[in-house]
Amino acid sequence: MAKTVLITGASAGIGFAAAELLLKSGYKVYTGARRVEKMRGLEYLGARVFALDVTDEGSLQNALAFVLKDAGRLDVLINNAGYGAHGAVEDVPLEEARRQFEVNLFGLARLTQLALPGMRAAGGGTIINISSIAGKITMPAGGWYHASKYALEAYSDALRLETAQFGVKVVLIEPGPIKTEWDNTALVNLEKYSGSGPYAPLVKRLTEKFRAGYRDGAPGPEAVAAVILKALRSPSPAARYPVPFKASLIIFLKWLLPDWVLDRALRFALKI
């Protein structure tokens, strides 16, 4: 019997690519996002699509109820919805910082709470949380985004240990720069909150770095989708999968080098 998968934030980027690949690989896929019209291509391929706002309790409950009523079970939950509220920590309003956590952590955690009883009753399941190397290394003007991803890493580690006894696997995917819409949103917020004022020169340099890193030679979301499929097919998946290789290298350097060396390197590169 085909395994049932629910993917959040599937209207573009990694979520869309993962849904497309899993459909082609024989999974029964349900996709949720605020922009339902963007998922019509997935619907054509056989996905069941619906509106989903991960910050809304009713929307989360309705999504899971729909999947369970239609498929009878949920085998895989892929928590992909997320965005970057970039800007200097001094500039970003705390209301926006809280929303960053609501989308990137608390909405994910609530949907996971709703999904776990069914997985326990079934004797197993897989939860894949789409994190980032931003949960391992921090750049200036991204403090709130990094904080949400650092928190997701710790949350997922605890969840993995707690649910293993029930046969539920928890996997972190840690993408580096990937060609998606993510960087456009991050840059809009960066300009909005810190494009003028004392951090404006830094924002200008960061914008140039962002565009180069996320466009020039960066792989597409299909690379992340392939790693998600690899994790799902593994009888004993790793706790975390950095992707692509460049992400693994960055994480290794973070582990290897003392903070003052990384600080100097970043300050030199960004002229701060």
Protein backbone atom coordinates (compact mmCIF):
# COMPACT_ATOMS: atom_id res chain seq x y z
CA MET A 1 0.00 0.00 0.00
CA ALA A 2 1.33 3.42 -0.98
CA LYS A 3 2.50 5.50 1.96
CA THR A 4 0.56 8.67 2.70
CA VAL A 5 2.49 11.95 2.88
CA LEU A 6 1.43 15.42 4.01
CA ILE A 7 3.64 18.33 2.91
CA THR A 8 3.23 21.89 4.16
CA GLY A 9 4.34 24.95 2.21
CA ALA A 10 4.06 23.05 -1.07
CA SER A 11 3.15 25.93 -3.37
CA ALA A 12 6.74 26.49 -4.51
CA GLY A 13 10.38 25.59 -3.99
CA ILE A 14 11.34 22.60 -1.89
CA GLY A 15 7.77 21.67 -0.94
CA PHE A 16 6.59 21.64 -4.54
CA ALA A 17 9.65 19.69 -5.75
CA ALA A 18 9.31 17.14 -2.95
CA ALA A 19 5.63 16.59 -3.71
CA GLU A 20 6.34 16.18 -7.40
CA LEU A 21 9.11 13.62 -6.80
CA LEU A 22 7.16 11.63 -4.21
CA LEU A 23 4.12 11.45 -6.50
CA LYS A 24 6.31 10.07 -9.27
CA SER A 25 7.82 7.61 -6.76
CA GLY A 26 4.47 6.07 -5.85
CA TYR A 27 3.54 7.95 -2.66
CA LYS A 28 0.04 9.23 -1.98
CA VAL A 29 0.63 12.94 -1.50
CA TYR A 30 -1.42 15.63 0.22
CA THR A 31 -0.17 19.20 -0.04
CA GLY A 32 -1.14 22.31 1.85
CA ALA A 33 -0.24 25.98 1.39
CA ARG A 34 -1.86 29.40 1.54
CA ARG A 35 -1.54 29.81 -2.25
CA VAL A 36 -3.69 26.92 -3.42
CA GLU A 37 -3.62 28.11 -7.04
CA LYS A 38 0.14 27.51 -7.13
CA MET A 39 -0.40 23.79 -6.46
CA ARG A 40 -2.61 23.05 -9.48
CA GLY A 41 0.31 21.37 -11.23
CA LEU A 42 0.62 18.97 -8.30
CA GLU A 43 -3.11 18.34 -8.40
CA TYR A 44 -2.77 17.40 -12.06
CA LEU A 45 -0.11 14.84 -11.08
CA GLY A 46 -2.44 13.29 -8.50
CA ALA A 47 -1.87 15.24 -5.28
CA ARG A 48 -4.76 16.25 -3.07
CA VAL A 49 -4.32 19.96 -2.47
CA PHE A 50 -5.93 22.29 0.06
CA ALA A 51 -5.48 25.65 1.75
CA LEU A 52 -3.29 25.51 4.84
CA ASP A 53 -2.06 28.25 7.16
CA VAL A 54 0.33 26.73 9.69
CA THR A 55 -0.27 29.61 12.11
CA ASP A 56 -4.01 28.90 12.30
CA GLU A 57 -5.21 26.15 14.68
CA GLY A 58 -8.40 25.49 12.76
CA SER A 59 -6.54 25.22 9.47
CA LEU A 60 -4.11 22.69 10.95
CA GLN A 61 -6.88 20.56 12.43
CA ASN A 62 -8.89 20.63 9.22
CA ALA A 63 -5.88 19.62 7.15
CA LEU A 64 -5.07 16.59 9.26
CA ALA A 65 -8.73 15.59 9.54
CA PHE A 66 -9.02 15.74 5.75
CA VAL A 67 -5.98 13.50 5.24
CA LEU A 68 -7.10 10.94 7.82
CA LYS A 69 -10.66 10.83 6.49
CA ASP A 70 -9.51 10.49 2.89
CA ALA A 71 -6.54 8.14 3.33
CA GLY A 72 -7.23 6.54 6.69
CA ARG A 73 -3.71 7.20 7.98
CA LEU A 74 -0.69 9.49 7.77
CA ASP A 75 2.68 7.81 7.32
CA VAL A 76 4.91 10.81 6.59
CA LEU A 77 4.70 14.44 7.68
CA ILE A 78 7.02 16.86 5.90
CA ASN A 79 7.10 20.17 7.74
CA ASN A 80 8.38 22.49 5.03
CA ALA A 81 6.52 25.79 5.47
CA GLY A 82 8.84 28.62 6.45
CA TYR A 83 10.23 32.02 5.49
CA GLY A 84 12.98 34.48 6.42
CA ALA A 85 12.23 37.69 8.34
CA HIS A 86 15.59 39.28 7.65
CA GLY A 87 16.82 42.57 9.00
CA ALA A 88 19.08 43.72 11.82
CA VAL A 89 17.84 42.46 15.19
CA GLU A 90 17.62 46.10 16.31
CA ASP A 91 15.29 46.94 13.43
CA VAL A 92 12.93 43.96 13.07
CA PRO A 93 9.75 44.58 15.11
CA LEU A 94 9.17 41.99 17.80
CA GLU A 95 5.75 41.31 16.30
CA GLU A 96 7.49 40.17 13.11
CA ALA A 97 10.03 38.17 15.12
CA ARG A 98 7.18 36.36 16.88
CA ARG A 99 5.52 35.62 13.55
CA GLN A 100 8.83 34.15 12.36
CA PHE A 101 8.68 31.66 15.22
CA GLU A 102 4.96 31.01 14.69
CA VAL A 103 5.59 29.93 11.09
CA ASN A 104 9.01 28.29 11.38
CA LEU A 105 8.58 26.54 14.73
CA PHE A 106 5.27 26.69 16.57
CA GLY A 107 3.01 25.93 13.60
CA LEU A 108 5.25 23.00 12.73
CA ALA A 109 5.21 21.81 16.34
CA ARG A 110 1.42 22.01 16.57
CA LEU A 111 0.86 20.03 13.38
CA THR A 112 3.32 17.44 14.68
CA GLN A 113 1.35 17.20 17.94
CA LEU A 114 -1.79 16.55 15.94
CA ALA A 115 -0.13 13.90 13.77
CA LEU A 116 1.68 11.91 16.46
CA PRO A 117 -1.26 10.07 18.09
CA GLY A 118 -2.15 8.44 14.76
CA MET A 119 1.46 7.51 14.07
CA ARG A 120 1.79 5.95 17.51
CA ALA A 121 -1.41 3.97 16.99
CA ALA A 122 -0.09 2.73 13.65
CA GLY A 123 3.21 1.70 15.22
CA GLY A 124 5.40 4.08 13.26
CA GLY A 125 5.80 6.99 10.91
CA THR A 126 8.30 9.56 9.72
CA ILE A 127 8.47 13.27 10.47
CA ILE A 128 10.79 15.31 8.25
CA ASN A 129 11.51 18.86 9.35
CA ILE A 130 13.01 21.17 6.76
CA SER A 131 15.58 23.19 8.67
CA SER A 132 18.61 24.95 7.17
CA ILE A 133 22.31 25.41 7.65
CA ALA A 134 21.00 28.66 9.15
CA GLY A 135 20.31 26.49 12.19
CA LYS A 136 24.04 25.83 12.47
CA ILE A 137 25.76 29.06 11.46
CA THR A 138 24.63 32.67 11.82
CA MET A 139 24.92 35.62 9.45
CA PRO A 140 24.32 39.27 10.35
CA ALA A 141 20.88 40.73 9.58
CA GLY A 142 19.29 37.29 9.86
CA GLY A 143 19.21 36.87 13.60
CA TRP A 144 15.50 36.09 14.02
CA TYR A 145 15.48 33.61 11.14
CA HIS A 146 18.58 31.89 12.48
CA ALA A 147 17.08 31.82 15.98
CA SER A 148 13.97 30.05 14.67
CA LYS A 149 16.08 27.45 12.85
CA TYR A 150 18.41 26.89 15.81
CA ALA A 151 15.27 26.29 17.87
CA LEU A 152 13.95 23.87 15.25
CA GLU A 153 17.18 21.88 15.45
CA ALA A 154 16.89 21.51 19.24
CA TYR A 155 13.16 20.74 19.03
CA SER A 156 13.76 18.03 16.44
CA ASP A 157 16.56 16.42 18.45
CA ALA A 158 14.27 16.15 21.49
CA LEU A 159 11.38 14.88 19.35
CA ARG A 160 13.57 12.22 17.75
CA LEU A 161 14.60 10.84 21.15
CA GLU A 162 11.07 10.91 22.54
CA THR A 163 9.31 9.22 19.62
CA ALA A 164 11.84 6.51 18.74
CA GLN A 165 10.21 4.19 21.29
CA PHE A 166 7.01 4.31 19.22
CA GLY A 167 8.71 3.60 15.89
CA VAL A 168 8.43 7.22 14.74
CA LYS A 169 11.50 8.54 12.92
CA VAL A 170 12.43 12.22 12.97
CA VAL A 171 14.76 13.63 10.32
CA LEU A 172 16.20 17.10 9.79
CA ILE A 173 16.98 18.32 6.28
CA GLU A 174 19.49 21.19 6.31
CA PRO A 175 19.65 22.94 2.92
CA GLY A 176 22.26 25.52 2.06
CA PRO A 177 21.63 28.08 -0.71
CA ILE A 178 18.98 26.66 -3.06
CA LYS A 179 17.32 28.33 -6.05
CA THR A 180 13.82 29.01 -4.70
CA GLU A 181 11.59 31.98 -3.90
CA TRP A 182 12.94 31.99 -0.34
CA ASP A 183 15.70 34.52 -0.95
CA ASN A 184 13.34 36.97 -2.64
CA THR A 185 11.16 37.10 0.48
CA ALA A 186 14.22 37.42 2.71
CA LEU A 187 15.59 40.31 0.65
CA VAL A 188 12.26 42.14 0.65
CA ASN A 189 12.19 41.96 4.44
CA LEU A 190 15.86 42.91 4.65
CA GLU A 191 15.26 46.07 2.64
CA LYS A 192 12.01 46.81 4.46
CA TYR A 193 13.47 46.71 7.95
CA SER A 194 17.11 47.71 7.50
CA GLY A 195 17.42 49.18 4.00
CA SER A 196 17.83 52.64 5.46
CA GLY A 197 19.48 53.84 8.63
CA PRO A 198 22.75 52.71 10.25
CA TYR A 199 22.66 49.20 8.77
CA ALA A 200 21.97 50.27 5.17
CA PRO A 201 25.58 49.79 3.92
CA LEU A 202 25.62 46.28 5.37
CA VAL A 203 22.27 45.51 3.77
CA LYS A 204 23.58 46.56 0.38
CA ARG A 205 26.56 44.21 0.65
CA LEU A 206 24.42 41.38 2.02
CA THR A 207 21.96 41.77 -0.83
CA GLU A 208 24.78 41.30 -3.34
CA LYS A 209 26.01 38.21 -1.47
CA PHE A 210 22.50 36.77 -1.27
CA ARG A 211 21.84 37.16 -4.97
CA ALA A 212 25.17 35.58 -5.85
CA GLY A 213 24.81 32.72 -3.39
CA TYR A 214 21.23 31.83 -4.27
CA ARG A 215 21.50 32.27 -8.04
CA ASP A 216 25.03 31.64 -9.28
CA GLY A 217 25.60 27.88 -9.30
CA ALA A 218 23.14 27.06 -6.52
CA PRO A 219 21.23 23.80 -7.13
CA GLY A 220 17.48 23.77 -7.56
CA PRO A 221 14.97 22.43 -5.02
CA GLU A 222 15.06 19.07 -6.79
CA ALA A 223 18.36 18.39 -5.02
CA VAL A 224 16.64 18.69 -1.65
CA ALA A 225 13.69 16.62 -2.82
CA ALA A 226 16.09 13.81 -3.78
CA VAL A 227 17.56 13.82 -0.26
CA ILE A 228 14.06 13.72 1.27
CA LEU A 229 13.28 10.64 -0.84
CA LYS A 230 16.59 9.08 0.19
CA ALA A 231 15.73 9.58 3.86
CA LEU A 232 12.26 8.08 3.39
CA ARG A 233 13.63 5.02 1.64
CA SER A 234 16.27 4.37 4.30
CA PRO A 235 15.34 1.84 7.02
CA SER A 236 17.58 3.81 9.41
CA PRO A 237 17.73 7.43 8.22
CA ALA A 238 20.34 9.80 9.60
CA ALA A 239 19.30 12.40 12.14
CA ARG A 240 20.16 15.21 9.72
CA TYR A 241 21.02 15.61 6.03
CA PRO A 242 22.89 18.75 4.90
CA VAL A 243 22.38 19.46 1.19
CA PRO A 244 24.23 20.12 -1.12
CA PHE A 245 27.84 19.19 -0.33
CA LYS A 246 28.69 22.87 0.13
CA ALA A 247 26.29 22.93 3.09
CA SER A 248 28.17 20.02 4.69
CA LEU A 249 31.43 21.90 4.22
CA ILE A 250 30.07 25.06 5.85
CA ILE A 251 28.79 23.09 8.85
CA PHE A 252 32.15 21.33 9.14
CA LEU A 253 34.00 24.66 9.14
CA LYS A 254 31.64 25.98 11.81
CA TRP A 255 32.49 22.96 13.95
CA LEU A 256 36.22 23.16 13.23
CA LEU A 257 36.96 26.86 13.61
CA PRO A 258 36.68 28.96 16.79
CA ASP A 259 34.07 31.70 16.83
CA TRP A 260 36.59 34.53 16.63
CA VAL A 261 38.01 33.16 13.37
CA LEU A 262 34.55 32.89 11.80
CA ASP A 263 33.65 36.35 13.08
CA ARG A 264 36.73 37.87 11.50
CA ALA A 265 36.12 36.05 8.23
CA LEU A 266 32.51 37.27 8.03
CA ARG A 267 33.40 40.82 9.04
CA PHE A 268 36.14 40.90 6.43
CA ALA A 269 33.86 39.51 3.70
CA LEU A 270 31.09 41.96 4.55
CA LYS A 271 33.36 44.88 5.45
CA ILE A 272 31.90 45.42 8.89
